[in-house]
Each structure stands twice: as structure tokens, then as C-alpha cells.
Amino acid sequence: MTATVAAVDLGASGGRVVVGEAGRDLLAVHEVHRFANVPVTVLGRLHTNILGLYAEVLAGLRAAGRAHDLASIGIDSWGVDFGLLDSGGELLGNPVHYRDRRTEGVLERVLATVPADELYAITGTQLLPFNTLCQLVAAGDSPQLACAARLLLLPDLLGFWLSGQTGAEVTNASTTQLLDARTRTWSADLTRRLGIRLELLPPLRQPGDLVGGLLAGPAAETGLPCGLPLRVAASHDTASAVVGTPADRDSFAFISCGTWSLVGMELPAPVLSAASLQANFTNEAGLDGTTRFLRNVMGLWLLQESVRDWTSSGQEVSLEVLLASAGREPPLRFVVDASDPAFTAPGEMPARIAAACRASGQPVPVTQAEITRCILDSLALGHRRAVLDAQRLSGRAADVVHIVGGGARDALLCQLTSDACGLPVIAGPAEATAIGNILVQARALGAIAAELPGMRALVRATQPLRRYEPQGSARVWEDADARI
């Protein structure tokens, strides 16, 4: 049996619709539609353009249906962001983007009510100012929240518009800082203490569950059959990416590298220790009861924003030339902390990187090549820190690092990460998120192996991978780390 499914994959900087064919010895991926994801500022508030994204999803499904006979549809996206619905199911305004500044100072207010150790003991979620929890507290006195009947995370919101059914998929729900890490249910105690109405949060669903059938309206717009099944993917994009990681053992670290780098290990249970809290690691739900134990590193956002800044100022930028010239720059002349919240907001990224170098007493990068090399060295250093910390905190050793996502295409970053971690790096697939989405749907349809190791074996057997071996001395990375 072969299953042909559509995977809607929404990333922080762009989205796409991919058709996947999966069977016992087959895993083929066909991109049919790609589009930008550009937040919009209105009256000083940064919003996700959710209606624009929905229109692009429909266009992608239309293209998928023209060329393929689909068995189901699955959706994944970035975490934490949400839409609010009224009692009639109408969206109460465009969702506010997690990079908006409304959550500045809110985490401190949360911790004044629920101390960090108590919050972490419940949720196991790293303390980030843009988590759903902080967003809800920031919106606490807004008329919109007061009249909201339901909160839907973005994949579930799009799924609601396609199927008319509401719910919250558990891997994405685990990014909200509202889910109990042990029971994988919404925390009634936490919502009560922070004044969040528990009834806002929808029933939880598991990857592979049937959401419902395609409604007549979207069916007509896409040309797909009315009632075509919509299935729950591992709808947090990192959860899907880890499913699509071609590991052949338990002793691996992963880096899902795109706009963000999500760096960590897959574990059988959450790590809720004081040391884990201190290191700001998060415990997110994975497929089949696994835990994604990881830390957010700023990722290629630093480079994306730098390129946008150079382009908007009239400078010519070729990514291929930029990476080649960065490879010729001396290594580790300047490094910054790639997990620093100071780099979260958009705008003037090269100037902020230069300022961080200046503040730490280092030389200041000036040229495009110098800034790009600073970014790549800093990302590799951030990857190293997180991989070492994940092993230390979990008590498990990693003997290989898997880099998946768009960063797997960057040979310099992959080599630097191998050098920094002192471990082999296996790069690929770049399409791991879409592949994980496809695999969960195909498994639910009975087309592929039921166990996670078998799903990963299919990825190894069918997808191109590249191996990097560590070079040089670990001491130079230790010295660079000490500078910041």
C-alpha cells in the first residue's frame, strides 16, 4: 500500500505545501507551492497575516489536488501563537505575532505569581517571554480576550477553517507553557492561578488522529473532494522535524535548523530538575510519548534579518557569494550569544551584532562577510553549548548530531557545528519537517511501519544525507565561549 498525502508546513519565514508518497520502500516528496510568511505591523502591533496564509494554503492544496489523488491533509507550523474565536466561531482579529513587543516585562509578572521553580515543575517549559502563557497574560485586560470563547493554535485554527472541528494537538500544545509535562493535559492549577479561563483551551488530540472531513467551501475552492480527511500531524514543526530525523540509535542529538535552531535530544521522559531550569531547557511533547528536550538558539534568523537589512539599504546580496566569502574569513574572531533575547525583534540586525561584540570587548565586524562569519561561528557555538548541556542534564551521551531543516544545506555551518561539538554531523534531510508530517499521516493510513524507528529507517533509505567529521581542536571553541 502507498499513501499519497498533502503536508502543509508553515515556518517562521515561509510556508509550503508538499505532496508525499509513502510506502514500505517509498518516500517521495514533491513541493507544489511555496510562499512567504511576512508579519504585518498595524498601529504598532505586529500580527501574523493568517488570512493571507490561509489563502496560500488553499492555493497549495489546489495545486496538490490537480496532480495527485490525495488520501489526507496534515498541517504543522511554529508554536506558541494562536487565534481567538468568539462563541460563533468567528476569528477575533489577526493573531498577534510572538515577536511583538507586548510581552516585554510580562514574564516577570508571571513569575511574581508562580515562581520559576513551580512553573517549571508543572510544565517543564523554558522561560521565554513569548510563550503562549505570557501572551495571554499580556492580553489579560483586552476586550478581545474577554469575549473569546476558544483559543486555537495556528495549525488547529487553519484546520478549523478547513474542517469545522476544533482541538489542540499535543506536541504544539506543549509549547504553550500551559500543559502539564507529566500528564500531558492542560494544567487547571496553573490557569487558575494566572487568571486564564480553562474553558478557552480546546480538547487535546494526538498525532495521527482524524480531525474531520474537508468542508464544502474549502473543497470547492481547492477542487478537492468534500469530506477528504484532515489528520492531525505532529503539528509543531520541530516535532515533525524530529520524526523525520534519520537517526539509527537513541544516542543522538538533533538540531532542527531554520529561522530558529532547536537543539537537544529525544528522551523517554521530561527532565524537570533545577539544573535544567537554570539552563533554560524545555520539555516538549514528541511522537509516541517521547520528550523533545531542547533549547532555543536564535538560528538563521540572525542571517535572514541581516540580509533583509542590507537589501533594504540598497546593498547587493547574493547568499551563495555571502557564504563563500564568509568561509574565507578567519574563524572565531568575533562571536555573540546566539540565544540572547536582544536578537529576537526584527530590524537593524548587523548593528545589534556589532554592538554585542563591542560590549564584550571584541573586535567589531563591519563587512557583510565578517558579520556572516560572526553569525555562523556564533550559531555553531550556540549549538555546542546546547548539545553539551543536553547530555549533562539528561545523563545520556550523544555520539552523533543530526542537522535537519534548511540549515542542513549550509555546508559551512554543518562543518563548524561538527568542529564545535567534537562529534560527527549528519546533515539532512532539509525537508525533515514536511517528511515528519507525511510519515505521521502515512502511518495513520496503514501505509508504513507503526514504530518510530521504522519510520526513521525509511528516511535513511530514501533521502540524501551528508556526513561531516570534526576538525581542529576543541580548545578554540572553549576559548571563544569564554569571551561571551
Protein backbone atom coordinates (compact mmCIF):
# COMPACT_ATOMS: atom_id res chain seq x y z
CA MET A 1 0.00 0.00 0.00
CA THR A 2 1.14 3.54 -0.80
CA ALA A 3 -0.37 6.67 0.76
CA THR A 4 -0.36 9.99 -1.06
CA VAL A 5 -0.91 12.91 1.30
CA ALA A 6 -0.57 16.70 1.43
CA ALA A 7 1.60 18.28 4.11
CA VAL A 8 1.07 21.97 4.89
CA ASP A 9 4.29 23.21 6.50
CA LEU A 10 4.32 26.76 7.87
CA GLY A 11 7.65 28.10 9.08
CA ALA A 12 8.51 31.37 10.73
CA SER A 13 9.69 32.94 7.47
CA GLY A 14 7.81 30.97 4.81
CA GLY A 15 5.42 28.16 4.09
CA ARG A 16 4.86 25.45 1.54
CA VAL A 17 2.53 22.69 0.55
CA VAL A 18 4.20 19.36 -0.17
CA VAL A 19 2.79 16.13 -1.53
CA GLY A 20 4.29 12.98 -0.10
CA GLU A 21 4.09 9.42 -1.35
CA ALA A 22 4.94 6.88 1.32
CA GLY A 23 5.01 3.11 1.40
CA ARG A 24 7.14 0.28 2.72
CA ASP A 25 10.12 1.12 0.48
CA LEU A 26 9.00 4.51 -0.83
CA LEU A 27 9.22 8.05 0.46
CA ALA A 28 8.96 10.70 -2.24
CA VAL A 29 8.45 14.40 -1.60
CA HIS A 30 7.08 16.86 -4.17
CA GLU A 31 6.84 20.55 -3.37
CA VAL A 32 3.82 22.01 -5.16
CA HIS A 33 3.55 25.51 -3.67
CA ARG A 34 5.85 27.83 -1.74
CA PHE A 35 5.06 31.24 -0.26
CA ALA A 36 6.44 33.91 2.07
CA ASN A 37 5.31 34.42 5.64
CA VAL A 38 5.68 38.12 6.37
CA PRO A 39 4.17 39.58 9.58
CA VAL A 40 2.29 42.85 9.27
CA THR A 41 2.50 45.82 11.65
CA VAL A 42 -0.80 47.64 12.28
CA LEU A 43 -0.95 50.57 14.70
CA GLY A 44 2.30 49.49 16.28
CA ARG A 45 1.25 45.85 16.79
CA LEU A 46 2.97 43.00 14.88
CA HIS A 47 0.47 40.47 13.52
CA THR A 48 0.63 37.17 11.69
CA ASN A 49 -1.12 37.56 8.33
CA ILE A 50 -3.26 34.50 8.98
CA LEU A 51 -5.82 35.21 6.25
CA GLY A 52 -3.04 35.56 3.70
CA LEU A 53 -1.52 32.29 4.89
CA TYR A 54 -4.90 30.56 4.65
CA ALA A 55 -5.30 31.78 1.07
CA GLU A 56 -1.85 30.37 0.26
CA VAL A 57 -2.75 27.06 1.90
CA LEU A 58 -5.84 26.83 -0.30
CA ALA A 59 -3.75 27.63 -3.37
CA GLY A 60 -1.26 24.92 -2.41
CA LEU A 61 -3.98 22.34 -1.83
CA ARG A 62 -5.48 23.27 -5.21
CA ALA A 63 -2.12 22.62 -6.86
CA ALA A 64 -1.71 19.34 -4.96
CA GLY A 65 -5.15 18.11 -5.97
CA ARG A 66 -4.58 18.86 -9.64
CA ALA A 67 -1.63 16.50 -9.80
CA HIS A 68 -2.35 13.88 -7.14
CA ASP A 69 -5.14 11.78 -5.68
CA LEU A 70 -4.82 12.68 -2.00
CA ALA A 71 -5.74 10.42 0.91
CA SER A 72 -5.44 13.08 3.64
CA ILE A 73 -4.11 16.50 4.64
CA GLY A 74 -1.93 17.44 7.65
CA ILE A 75 -0.75 20.82 8.94
CA ASP A 76 2.26 21.87 11.01
CA SER A 77 3.57 25.30 11.99
CA TRP A 78 5.68 27.17 14.51
CA GLY A 79 4.46 27.11 18.09
CA VAL A 80 3.07 29.46 20.76
CA ASP A 81 0.97 31.74 18.51
CA PHE A 82 -2.80 31.47 18.45
CA GLY A 83 -6.10 32.90 17.28
CA LEU A 84 -9.12 33.66 19.44
CA LEU A 85 -12.63 32.70 18.35
CA ASP A 86 -15.96 34.02 19.60
CA SER A 87 -18.84 31.71 20.51
CA GLY A 88 -19.93 31.59 16.87
CA GLY A 89 -16.51 30.51 15.62
CA GLU A 90 -15.51 33.90 14.20
CA LEU A 91 -11.88 34.95 14.47
CA LEU A 92 -11.47 37.94 16.80
CA GLY A 93 -8.75 39.78 14.89
CA ASN A 94 -5.48 38.74 13.31
CA PRO A 95 -3.26 36.78 15.72
CA VAL A 96 -0.51 38.81 17.36
CA HIS A 97 2.95 37.60 16.33
CA TYR A 98 5.25 36.21 19.00
CA ARG A 99 7.95 38.74 18.08
CA ASP A 100 5.65 41.63 19.01
CA ARG A 101 6.87 43.66 21.97
CA ARG A 102 3.67 43.38 24.02
CA THR A 103 5.18 40.63 26.16
CA GLU A 104 8.15 42.69 27.33
CA GLY A 105 8.24 42.53 31.13
CA VAL A 106 5.34 40.06 31.30
CA LEU A 107 7.45 37.06 32.28
CA GLU A 108 8.48 38.88 35.45
CA ARG A 109 4.79 39.43 36.28
CA VAL A 110 4.08 35.73 35.75
CA LEU A 111 6.97 34.68 37.98
CA ALA A 112 5.75 37.02 40.72
CA THR A 113 2.59 34.89 40.88
CA VAL A 114 4.03 31.47 40.06
CA PRO A 115 7.73 31.20 40.96
CA ALA A 116 10.02 29.81 38.28
CA ASP A 117 10.68 26.53 40.06
CA GLU A 118 6.95 25.86 40.50
CA LEU A 119 6.15 26.83 36.91
CA TYR A 120 8.91 24.58 35.57
CA ALA A 121 7.89 21.68 37.80
CA ILE A 122 4.44 21.78 36.22
CA THR A 123 5.18 22.48 32.57
CA GLY A 124 8.87 21.77 32.02
CA THR A 125 8.81 24.67 29.55
CA GLN A 126 11.73 27.02 29.15
CA LEU A 127 11.17 30.57 30.33
CA LEU A 128 10.63 32.60 27.18
CA PRO A 129 8.78 35.92 27.11
CA PHE A 130 6.75 34.99 24.03
CA ASN A 131 5.29 31.68 25.25
CA THR A 132 1.50 31.46 24.90
CA LEU A 133 1.19 31.82 28.65
CA CYS A 134 2.92 35.22 28.60
CA GLN A 135 0.94 36.30 25.55
CA LEU A 136 -2.33 35.56 27.35
CA VAL A 137 -1.23 37.42 30.47
CA ALA A 138 -0.19 40.36 28.28
CA ALA A 139 -3.66 40.38 26.71
CA GLY A 140 -5.39 39.88 30.06
CA ASP A 141 -7.39 43.13 30.12
CA SER A 142 -8.15 43.28 26.39
CA PRO A 143 -11.78 43.29 25.14
CA GLN A 144 -10.80 40.64 22.59
CA LEU A 145 -9.72 38.14 25.23
CA ALA A 146 -12.72 38.99 27.42
CA CYS A 147 -15.18 37.90 24.72
CA ALA A 148 -13.17 34.95 23.38
CA ALA A 149 -14.74 31.51 23.66
CA ARG A 150 -11.90 29.40 22.28
CA LEU A 151 -8.14 29.62 21.71
CA LEU A 152 -6.72 27.73 18.76
CA LEU A 153 -3.02 27.33 17.97
CA LEU A 154 -2.29 28.18 14.35
CA PRO A 155 -2.33 24.67 12.78
CA ASP A 156 -5.56 23.97 14.63
CA LEU A 157 -7.04 27.31 13.52
CA LEU A 158 -6.33 26.52 9.87
CA GLY A 159 -7.67 23.01 10.45
CA PHE A 160 -10.86 24.50 11.90
CA TRP A 161 -11.40 26.60 8.77
CA LEU A 162 -10.90 23.51 6.61
CA SER A 163 -12.96 21.04 8.66
CA GLY A 164 -15.12 22.95 11.16
CA GLN A 165 -13.61 20.94 14.05
CA THR A 166 -11.66 22.39 16.97
CA GLY A 167 -8.93 20.86 19.11
CA ALA A 168 -5.30 21.23 20.19
CA GLU A 169 -2.59 18.82 19.06
CA VAL A 170 -0.40 17.81 21.97
CA THR A 171 3.10 18.42 20.53
CA ASN A 172 2.18 22.01 19.76
CA ALA A 173 0.21 22.42 22.99
CA SER A 174 3.41 21.58 24.86
CA THR A 175 4.99 24.84 23.63
CA THR A 176 2.32 26.99 25.31
CA GLN A 177 3.61 26.67 28.92
CA LEU A 178 0.05 25.66 29.86
CA LEU A 179 0.42 21.87 29.54
CA ASP A 180 1.36 19.61 32.43
CA ALA A 181 4.59 17.90 31.32
CA ARG A 182 3.86 14.69 33.22
CA THR A 183 0.19 14.15 32.44
CA ARG A 184 0.11 15.92 29.05
CA THR A 185 -3.15 17.61 30.00
CA TRP A 186 -3.95 21.30 30.44
CA SER A 187 -2.92 22.49 33.90
CA ALA A 188 -6.06 23.62 35.72
CA ASP A 189 -3.96 24.77 38.70
CA LEU A 190 -1.73 26.99 36.57
CA THR A 191 -4.57 28.58 34.60
CA ARG A 192 -6.47 29.29 37.82
CA ARG A 193 -3.51 30.98 39.50
CA LEU A 194 -2.85 33.20 36.48
CA GLY A 195 -6.46 34.08 35.79
CA ILE A 196 -6.67 32.25 32.45
CA ARG A 197 -10.04 30.66 31.73
CA LEU A 198 -9.51 26.91 31.35
CA GLU A 199 -12.51 26.68 29.01
CA LEU A 200 -10.57 28.72 26.43
CA LEU A 201 -8.34 25.71 25.83
CA PRO A 202 -9.74 23.09 23.44
CA PRO A 203 -9.71 19.30 23.83
CA LEU A 204 -6.32 17.71 23.17
CA ARG A 205 -5.59 15.48 20.19
CA GLN A 206 -2.76 13.08 19.33
CA PRO A 207 -0.70 12.92 16.12
CA GLY A 208 -2.49 10.76 13.58
CA ASP A 209 -5.97 11.44 14.94
CA LEU A 210 -8.71 12.21 12.44
CA VAL A 211 -9.76 15.86 12.70
CA GLY A 212 -12.68 15.70 10.29
CA GLY A 213 -13.55 15.97 6.63
CA LEU A 214 -12.96 18.88 4.27
CA LEU A 215 -15.91 21.26 4.33
CA ALA A 216 -17.85 22.09 1.19
CA GLY A 217 -16.49 25.64 0.97
CA PRO A 218 -12.76 24.82 1.01
CA ALA A 219 -13.45 21.75 -1.12
CA ALA A 220 -14.97 23.97 -3.80
CA GLU A 221 -12.07 26.44 -3.58
CA THR A 222 -9.42 23.73 -3.92
CA GLY A 223 -11.17 21.27 -6.20
CA LEU A 224 -10.62 18.52 -3.63
CA PRO A 225 -13.36 16.08 -2.63
CA CYS A 226 -15.74 17.22 0.09
CA GLY A 227 -15.04 15.11 3.16
CA LEU A 228 -11.38 14.45 2.31
CA PRO A 229 -9.84 13.53 5.69
CA LEU A 230 -7.84 16.11 7.61
CA ARG A 231 -5.49 14.33 10.02
CA VAL A 232 -3.50 15.64 12.96
CA ALA A 233 0.19 15.82 12.17
CA ALA A 234 2.81 16.25 14.86
CA SER A 235 1.78 19.83 14.35
CA HIS A 236 4.64 21.68 15.99
CA ASP A 237 7.16 21.96 13.17
CA THR A 238 10.05 20.82 15.37
CA ALA A 239 8.09 17.74 16.45
CA SER A 240 7.59 16.83 12.80
CA ALA A 241 11.26 17.56 12.05
CA VAL A 242 12.40 15.20 14.82
CA VAL A 243 10.09 12.49 13.46
CA GLY A 244 11.82 12.99 10.10
CA THR A 245 15.33 12.80 11.60
CA PRO A 246 17.14 9.73 10.17
CA ALA A 247 18.60 8.51 13.48
CA ASP A 248 19.53 4.84 13.73
CA ARG A 249 20.05 4.82 17.54
CA ASP A 250 18.85 6.51 20.71
CA SER A 251 22.19 8.23 21.40
CA PHE A 252 21.77 11.18 19.06
CA ALA A 253 21.42 14.91 19.37
CA PHE A 254 19.31 16.86 16.91
CA ILE A 255 19.38 20.38 15.53
CA SER A 256 16.30 21.48 13.64
CA CYS A 257 17.90 24.44 11.94
CA GLY A 258 15.89 27.12 10.21
CA THR A 259 14.79 30.55 11.38
CA TRP A 260 15.34 29.04 14.85
CA SER A 261 17.80 26.34 15.82
CA LEU A 262 16.10 23.88 18.17
CA VAL A 263 18.91 21.89 19.76
CA GLY A 264 18.55 18.91 22.03
CA MET A 265 17.90 15.21 22.48
CA GLU A 266 14.92 12.88 22.31
CA LEU A 267 14.21 11.33 25.72
CA PRO A 268 11.66 8.87 27.16
CA ALA A 269 10.56 11.33 29.87
CA PRO A 270 10.86 15.02 30.76
CA VAL A 271 13.79 16.40 32.77
CA LEU A 272 12.37 18.75 35.41
CA SER A 273 15.44 19.36 37.55
CA ALA A 274 16.58 22.67 38.98
CA ALA A 275 19.68 22.43 36.79
CA SER A 276 17.52 22.03 33.69
CA LEU A 277 15.53 25.11 34.66
CA GLN A 278 18.76 27.05 35.23
CA ALA A 279 19.99 26.03 31.77
CA ASN A 280 16.63 27.11 30.30
CA PHE A 281 15.87 23.81 28.60
CA THR A 282 12.36 22.93 27.56
CA ASN A 283 10.50 19.62 27.56
CA GLU A 284 8.18 19.42 24.57
CA ALA A 285 5.95 16.50 23.67
CA GLY A 286 7.14 14.27 20.85
CA LEU A 287 5.63 11.41 18.91
CA ASP A 288 4.68 8.22 20.75
CA GLY A 289 5.19 9.65 24.24
CA THR A 290 8.75 10.85 23.66
CA THR A 291 10.07 14.16 25.01
CA ARG A 292 11.95 16.73 22.95
CA PHE A 293 14.43 18.05 25.48
CA LEU A 294 15.88 21.15 23.86
CA ARG A 295 16.91 24.76 23.98
CA ASN A 296 16.09 27.52 21.50
CA VAL A 297 19.08 29.09 19.78
CA MET A 298 18.36 32.14 17.62
CA GLY A 299 19.12 30.29 14.39
CA LEU A 300 19.32 31.59 10.83
CA TRP A 301 17.04 34.47 11.84
CA LEU A 302 20.25 36.38 12.51
CA LEU A 303 21.34 35.95 8.89
CA GLN A 304 17.86 36.41 7.43
CA GLU A 305 17.44 39.73 9.21
CA SER A 306 20.93 40.86 8.27
CA VAL A 307 20.25 40.13 4.60
CA ARG A 308 16.95 41.99 4.83
CA ASP A 309 18.71 44.99 6.37
CA TRP A 310 21.41 45.05 3.68
CA THR A 311 18.87 44.66 0.89
CA SER A 312 16.59 47.40 2.21
CA SER A 313 19.56 49.78 2.34
CA GLY A 314 20.30 49.16 -1.33
CA GLN A 315 23.24 46.80 -0.97
CA GLU A 316 23.55 43.84 -3.33
CA VAL A 317 23.35 40.48 -1.59
CA SER A 318 23.90 37.02 -3.06
CA LEU A 319 23.54 34.30 -0.45
CA GLU A 320 25.87 31.98 -2.35
CA VAL A 321 28.58 34.65 -2.58
CA LEU A 322 27.98 35.67 1.03
CA LEU A 323 28.53 32.16 2.39
CA ALA A 324 31.58 31.61 0.19
CA SER A 325 33.17 34.86 1.35
CA ALA A 326 32.33 34.05 4.99
CA GLY A 327 34.16 30.75 4.58
CA ARG A 328 37.33 32.66 3.69
CA GLU A 329 37.18 34.82 6.82
CA PRO A 330 39.37 33.90 9.84
CA PRO A 331 37.39 31.75 12.29
CA LEU A 332 36.10 32.90 15.68
CA ARG A 333 37.36 36.48 15.50
CA PHE A 334 34.02 37.69 16.81
CA VAL A 335 31.21 35.72 18.45
CA VAL A 336 27.92 36.64 20.13
CA ASP A 337 25.47 34.74 22.31
CA ALA A 338 23.05 33.31 19.74
CA SER A 339 20.46 32.71 22.48
CA ASP A 340 20.39 36.34 23.62
CA PRO A 341 16.80 37.73 23.64
CA ALA A 342 18.29 41.02 22.41
CA PHE A 343 18.24 39.50 18.91
CA THR A 344 14.58 38.43 18.99
CA ALA A 345 12.93 41.52 17.47
CA PRO A 346 13.33 42.41 13.79
CA GLY A 347 15.35 45.32 12.46
CA GLU A 348 18.97 46.57 12.34
CA MET A 349 20.47 43.14 12.99
CA PRO A 350 24.02 43.90 11.74
CA ALA A 351 24.20 46.93 14.05
CA ARG A 352 22.98 44.89 17.03
CA ILE A 353 25.54 42.15 16.33
CA ALA A 354 28.31 44.75 16.11
CA ALA A 355 27.12 46.33 19.38
CA ALA A 356 27.17 42.95 21.15
CA CYS A 357 30.75 42.34 20.00
CA ARG A 358 31.78 45.82 21.14
CA ALA A 359 30.14 45.34 24.55
CA SER A 360 32.08 42.11 25.14
CA GLY A 361 35.40 43.76 24.28
CA GLN A 362 35.88 42.01 20.95
CA PRO A 363 36.76 43.38 17.52
CA VAL A 364 33.68 44.67 15.67
CA PRO A 365 32.58 43.01 12.39
CA VAL A 366 31.91 45.53 9.63
CA THR A 367 31.67 43.89 6.21
CA GLN A 368 28.93 41.53 5.07
CA ALA A 369 31.41 38.64 5.08
CA GLU A 370 32.61 39.42 8.62
CA ILE A 371 29.08 39.68 10.01
CA THR A 372 28.03 36.47 8.26
CA ARG A 373 31.08 34.63 9.64
CA CYS A 374 30.29 36.01 13.09
CA ILE A 375 26.73 34.66 12.78
CA LEU A 376 27.80 31.19 11.63
CA ASP A 377 30.54 30.86 14.25
CA SER A 378 28.11 32.06 16.92
CA LEU A 379 25.42 29.59 15.82
CA ALA A 380 27.93 26.72 15.93
CA LEU A 381 28.97 27.87 19.39
CA GLY A 382 25.31 28.00 20.47
CA HIS A 383 24.79 24.50 19.06
CA ARG A 384 27.82 23.29 21.02
CA ARG A 385 26.59 24.73 24.29
CA ALA A 386 23.14 23.21 23.89
CA VAL A 387 24.41 19.75 22.84
CA LEU A 388 26.81 19.62 25.79
CA ASP A 389 24.15 20.83 28.22
CA ALA A 390 21.55 18.37 26.93
CA GLN A 391 23.92 15.48 27.62
CA ARG A 392 24.90 16.78 31.04
CA LEU A 393 21.33 17.44 32.17
CA SER A 394 19.79 14.25 30.79
CA GLY A 395 22.61 11.93 31.85
CA ARG A 396 22.71 10.49 28.31
CA ALA A 397 25.60 10.65 25.86
CA ALA A 398 25.27 11.62 22.22
CA ASP A 399 27.64 10.15 19.66
CA VAL A 400 26.27 11.94 16.59
CA VAL A 401 24.47 15.18 15.80
CA HIS A 402 21.72 15.25 13.18
CA ILE A 403 21.10 18.61 11.49
CA VAL A 404 17.79 18.77 9.65
CA GLY A 405 15.89 21.61 8.02
CA GLY A 406 17.18 24.41 5.84
CA GLY A 407 20.44 24.69 7.77
CA ALA A 408 21.40 21.20 6.56
CA ARG A 409 22.12 22.79 3.16
CA ASP A 410 24.74 25.14 4.64
CA ALA A 411 27.96 23.14 4.42
CA LEU A 412 29.99 25.71 6.36
CA LEU A 413 27.54 25.78 9.27
CA CYS A 414 27.39 21.96 9.36
CA GLN A 415 31.19 21.68 9.43
CA LEU A 416 31.52 24.37 12.09
CA THR A 417 28.89 22.60 14.21
CA SER A 418 30.80 19.32 13.92
CA ASP A 419 34.03 21.09 14.89
CA ALA A 420 32.40 22.87 17.81
CA CYS A 421 30.62 19.80 19.20
CA GLY A 422 33.51 17.43 18.53
CA LEU A 423 31.03 14.97 17.04
CA PRO A 424 30.12 13.74 13.56
CA VAL A 425 27.28 15.66 11.97
CA ILE A 426 24.81 14.01 9.61
CA ALA A 427 23.08 16.69 7.57
CA GLY A 428 19.67 16.16 6.04
CA PRO A 429 17.02 15.90 5.07
CA ALA A 430 16.38 19.58 4.55
CA GLU A 431 12.70 18.68 4.20
CA ALA A 432 12.54 16.86 7.56
CA THR A 433 9.53 18.82 8.84
CA ALA A 434 7.39 18.05 5.80
CA ILE A 435 8.65 14.46 5.85
CA GLY A 436 7.65 14.03 9.50
CA ASN A 437 4.21 15.42 8.71
CA ILE A 438 3.90 12.97 5.81
CA LEU A 439 5.09 9.99 7.86
CA VAL A 440 2.54 10.56 10.64
CA GLN A 441 -0.28 10.69 8.12
CA ALA A 442 1.01 7.64 6.23
CA ARG A 443 1.28 5.64 9.44
CA ALA A 444 -2.28 6.53 10.40
CA LEU A 445 -3.37 5.30 6.97
CA GLY A 446 -1.53 2.00 7.48
CA ALA A 447 0.95 2.54 4.66
CA ILE A 448 4.23 2.42 6.65
CA ALA A 449 5.73 0.88 9.78
CA ALA A 450 3.92 1.62 13.01
CA GLU A 451 7.05 2.23 15.11
CA LEU A 452 9.16 5.39 15.13
CA PRO A 453 12.45 3.50 14.40
CA GLY A 454 10.87 2.03 11.27
CA MET A 455 9.73 5.47 10.12
CA ARG A 456 13.29 6.78 10.51
CA ALA A 457 14.73 3.78 8.70
CA LEU A 458 12.58 4.73 5.73
CA VAL A 459 14.04 8.25 5.82
CA ARG A 460 17.61 6.87 5.89
CA ALA A 461 16.91 4.54 2.99
CA THR A 462 15.32 7.13 0.71
CA GLN A 463 16.75 10.60 1.44
CA PRO A 464 20.17 12.10 0.57
CA LEU A 465 22.36 12.68 3.63
CA ARG A 466 25.86 14.12 4.09
CA ARG A 467 28.32 13.35 6.89
CA TYR A 468 30.82 15.80 8.41
CA GLU A 469 33.66 14.81 10.74
CA PRO A 470 35.07 17.17 13.41
CA GLN A 471 38.28 19.00 12.57
CA GLY A 472 40.66 21.05 14.67
CA SER A 473 40.88 21.50 18.42
CA ALA A 474 38.02 21.77 20.89
CA ARG A 475 40.11 24.27 22.86
CA VAL A 476 39.49 27.10 20.39
CA TRP A 477 35.73 26.72 20.91
CA GLU A 478 36.16 26.71 24.67
CA ASP A 479 38.15 29.94 24.43
CA ALA A 480 35.52 31.53 22.19
CA ASP A 481 32.79 30.53 24.62
CA ALA A 482 34.68 32.21 27.44
CA ARG A 483 34.63 35.52 25.55
CA ILE A 484 30.86 35.77 25.86
